[in-house]
Amino acid sequence: MIAAAILDRLLHFSHVFLIPGPSYRMRGKLAQPTSPQCETTPDTG
């Protein structure tokens, strides 16, 4: 609750800029191939 009050005070006179398009940070994540998850098998022995 205190964090909301602090942000309200700090951002009261701020301006919001909407930037259309894909996220700059996600650009590298989407280009990387995803690795398959390993399947675990029980040990028989």
Foldseek 3Di string as FASTA:
>chain_A
DVVVVVCCVVCVPPDDDDDDDDDPVCPVVVPDDDDDDDDDDDDDD
